[in-house]
C-alpha atoms as a PDB file:
ATOM      1  CA  MET A   1     125.819 100.861  49.936  1.00  0.00           C
ATOM      2  CA  SER A   2     129.508 100.846  50.509  1.00  0.00           C
ATOM      3  CA  ALA A   3     131.202  98.778  53.207  1.00  0.00           C
ATOM      4  CA  VAL A   4     132.207 101.880  55.171  1.00  0.00           C
ATOM      5  CA  VAL A   5     128.610 103.145  55.309  1.00  0.00           C
ATOM      6  CA  LYS A   6     127.448  99.700  56.473  1.00  0.00           C
ATOM      7  CA  TRP A   7     130.036  99.727  59.291  1.00  0.00           C
ATOM      8  CA  VAL A   8     129.047 103.271  60.322  1.00  0.00           C
ATOM      9  CA  VAL A   9     125.353 102.336  60.396  1.00  0.00           C
ATOM     10  CA  LEU A  10     126.124  99.136  62.302  1.00  0.00           C
ATOM     11  CA  ALA A  11     128.293 101.055  64.785  1.00  0.00           C
ATOM     12  CA  ALA A  12     125.544 103.674  65.259  1.00  0.00           C
ATOM     13  CA  VAL A  13     122.934 100.963  65.893  1.00  0.00           C
ATOM     14  CA  LEU A  14     125.193  99.132  68.335  1.00  0.00           C
ATOM     15  CA  LEU A  15     126.062 102.368  70.131  1.00  0.00           C
ATOM     16  CA  GLY A  16     122.346 103.128  70.404  1.00  0.00           C
ATOM     17  CA  LEU A  17     121.680  99.678  71.859  1.00  0.00           C
ATOM     18  CA  VAL A  18     124.523 100.046  74.366  1.00  0.00           C
ATOM     19  CA  ILE A  19     123.175 103.437  75.455  1.00  0.00           C
ATOM     20  CA  LEU A  20     119.664 101.993  75.737  1.00  0.00           C
ATOM     21  CA  VAL A  21     120.911  99.080  77.871  1.00  0.00           C
ATOM     22  CA  LEU A  22     122.869 101.446  80.119  1.00  0.00           C
ATOM     23  CA  ALA A  23     119.793 103.657  80.535  1.00  0.00           C
ATOM     24  CA  VAL A  24     117.403 100.777  81.230  1.00  0.00           C
ATOM     25  CA  ARG A  25     119.661  98.880  83.627  1.00  0.00           C
ATOM     26  CA  PRO A  26     119.121 101.158  86.684  1.00  0.00           C
ATOM     27  CA  VAL A  27     115.362 101.170  86.085  1.00  0.00           C
ATOM     28  CA  VAL A  28     115.258  97.375  85.949  1.00  0.00           C
ATOM     29  CA  GLY A  29     117.343  97.290  89.122  1.00  0.00           C
ATOM     30  CA  ARG A  30     114.757  99.431  90.896  1.00  0.00           C
ATOM     31  CA  LEU A  31     111.836  97.281  89.806  1.00  0.00           C
ATOM     32  CA  GLY A  32     112.606  94.722  92.500  1.00  0.00           C
ATOM     33  CA  ARG A  33     112.520  97.365  95.210  1.00  0.00           C
ATOM     34  CA  LEU A  34     109.346  98.855  93.754  1.00  0.00           C
ATOM     35  CA  ARG A  35     107.711  95.426  93.726  1.00  0.00           C
ATOM     36  CA  ARG A  36     108.663  94.813  97.359  1.00  0.00           C
ATOM     37  CA  ALA A  37     107.383  98.272  98.303  1.00  0.00           C
ATOM     38  CA  ALA A  38     104.100  97.593  96.499  1.00  0.00           C
ATOM     39  CA  LEU A  39     103.710  94.275  98.333  1.00  0.00           C
ATOM     40  CA  THR A  40     104.407  96.004 101.643  1.00  0.00           C
ATOM     41  CA  LEU A  41     101.784  98.622 100.874  1.00  0.00           C
ATOM     42  CA  GLN A  42      99.257  95.930  99.988  1.00  0.00           C
ATOM     43  CA  ARG A  43      99.920  94.126 103.274  1.00  0.00           C
ATOM     44  CA  ARG A  44      99.529  97.369 105.200  1.00  0.00           C
ATOM     45  CA  GLN A  45      96.303  98.150 103.370  1.00  0.00           C
ATOM     46  CA  ALA A  46      94.927  94.719 104.245  1.00  0.00           C
ATOM     47  CA  GLU A  47      95.971  95.245 107.867  1.00  0.00           C
ATOM     48  CA  ALA A  48      94.309  98.667 107.915  1.00  0.00           C
ATOM     49  CA  GLU A  49      91.107  97.149 106.547  1.00  0.00           C
ATOM     50  CA  ARG A  50      91.178  94.441 109.243  1.00  0.00           C
ATOM     51  CA  LEU A  51      91.766  97.067 111.918  1.00  0.00           C
ATOM     52  CA  GLN A  52      88.901  99.154 110.569  1.00  0.00           C
ATOM     53  CA  THR A  53      86.596  96.132 110.711  1.00  0.00           C
ATOM     54  CA  THR A  54      87.705  95.436 114.272  1.00  0.00           C
ATOM     55  CA  ALA A  55      87.217  99.076 115.239  1.00  0.00           C
ATOM     56  CA  LEU A  56      83.669  99.058 113.860  1.00  0.00           C
ATOM     57  CA  ALA A  57      82.875  95.879 115.791  1.00  0.00           C
ATOM     58  CA  LEU A  58      84.276  97.432 118.961  1.00  0.00           C
ATOM     59  CA  GLN A  59      82.266 100.583 118.341  1.00  0.00           C
ATOM     60  CA  ARG A  60      79.072  98.507 118.059  1.00  0.00           C
ATOM     61  CA  GLU A  61      79.999  96.651 121.231  1.00  0.00           C
ATOM     62  CA  VAL A  62      80.613  99.913 123.094  1.00  0.00           C
ATOM     63  CA  GLU A  63      77.221 101.205 121.957  1.00  0.00           C
ATOM     64  CA  THR A  64      75.572  97.992 123.142  1.00  0.00           C
ATOM     65  CA  LEU A  65      77.313  98.261 126.517  1.00  0.00           C
ATOM     66  CA  ARG A  66      76.268 101.921 126.791  1.00  0.00           C
ATOM     67  CA  LEU A  67      72.623 100.974 126.205  1.00  0.00           C
ATOM     68  CA  LYS A  68      72.862  98.116 128.728  1.00  0.00           C
ATOM     69  CA  THR A  69      74.381 100.525 131.243  1.00  0.00           C
ATOM     70  CA  GLU A  70      71.536 102.982 130.738  1.00  0.00           C
ATOM     71  CA  ILE A  71      68.970 100.205 131.219  1.00  0.00           C
ATOM     72  CA  THR A  72      70.764  98.977 134.343  1.00  0.00           C
ATOM     73  CA  GLN A  73      70.893 102.512 135.763  1.00  0.00           C
ATOM     74  CA  GLU A  74      67.177 102.966 135.103  1.00  0.00           C
ATOM     75  CA  ARG A  75      66.394  99.652 136.808  1.00  0.00           C
ATOM     76  CA  LEU A  76      68.606 100.599 139.745  1.00  0.00           C
ATOM     77  CA  ALA A  77      66.814 103.924 140.048  1.00  0.00           C
ATOM     78  CA  ASP A  78      63.438 102.105 139.967  1.00  0.00           C
ATOM     79  CA  ILE A  79      64.619  99.715 142.687  1.00  0.00           C
ATOM     80  CA  LYS A  80      65.778 102.625 144.854  1.00  0.00           C
ATOM     81  CA  VAL A  81      62.430 104.349 144.395  1.00  0.00           C
ATOM     82  CA  LYS A  82      60.547 101.156 145.307  1.00  0.00           C
ATOM     83  CA  ARG A  83      62.716 100.603 148.391  1.00  0.00           C
ATOM     84  CA  GLY A  84      62.226 104.205 149.432  1.00  0.00           C
ATOM     85  CA  ALA A  85      58.450 103.826 149.089  1.00  0.00           C
ATOM     86  CA  HIS A  86      58.423 100.608 151.139  1.00  0.00           C
ATOM     87  CA  SER A  87      60.595 101.934 153.936  1.00  0.00           C
ATOM     88  CA  ARG A  88      58.236 104.847 154.688  1.00  0.00           C
END
């Protein structure tokens, strides 16, 4: 191989590397933002899961209170009936 061909090949390889570096540089720059965005999404997902757990617990509590209210209303109705029977 002649010296000129070696220099042309070397120049082509170096030009290719420079182009590759210039193309990759913006992508690498965005990786930091993408990582931060991914971390934010993970935190929000964890928060959503906690809120869902809390919502389910509240839903169970509301159902329990509804049942207690029904029982209390039935007892109150029984007491009113008993008082009405005694006052006659």
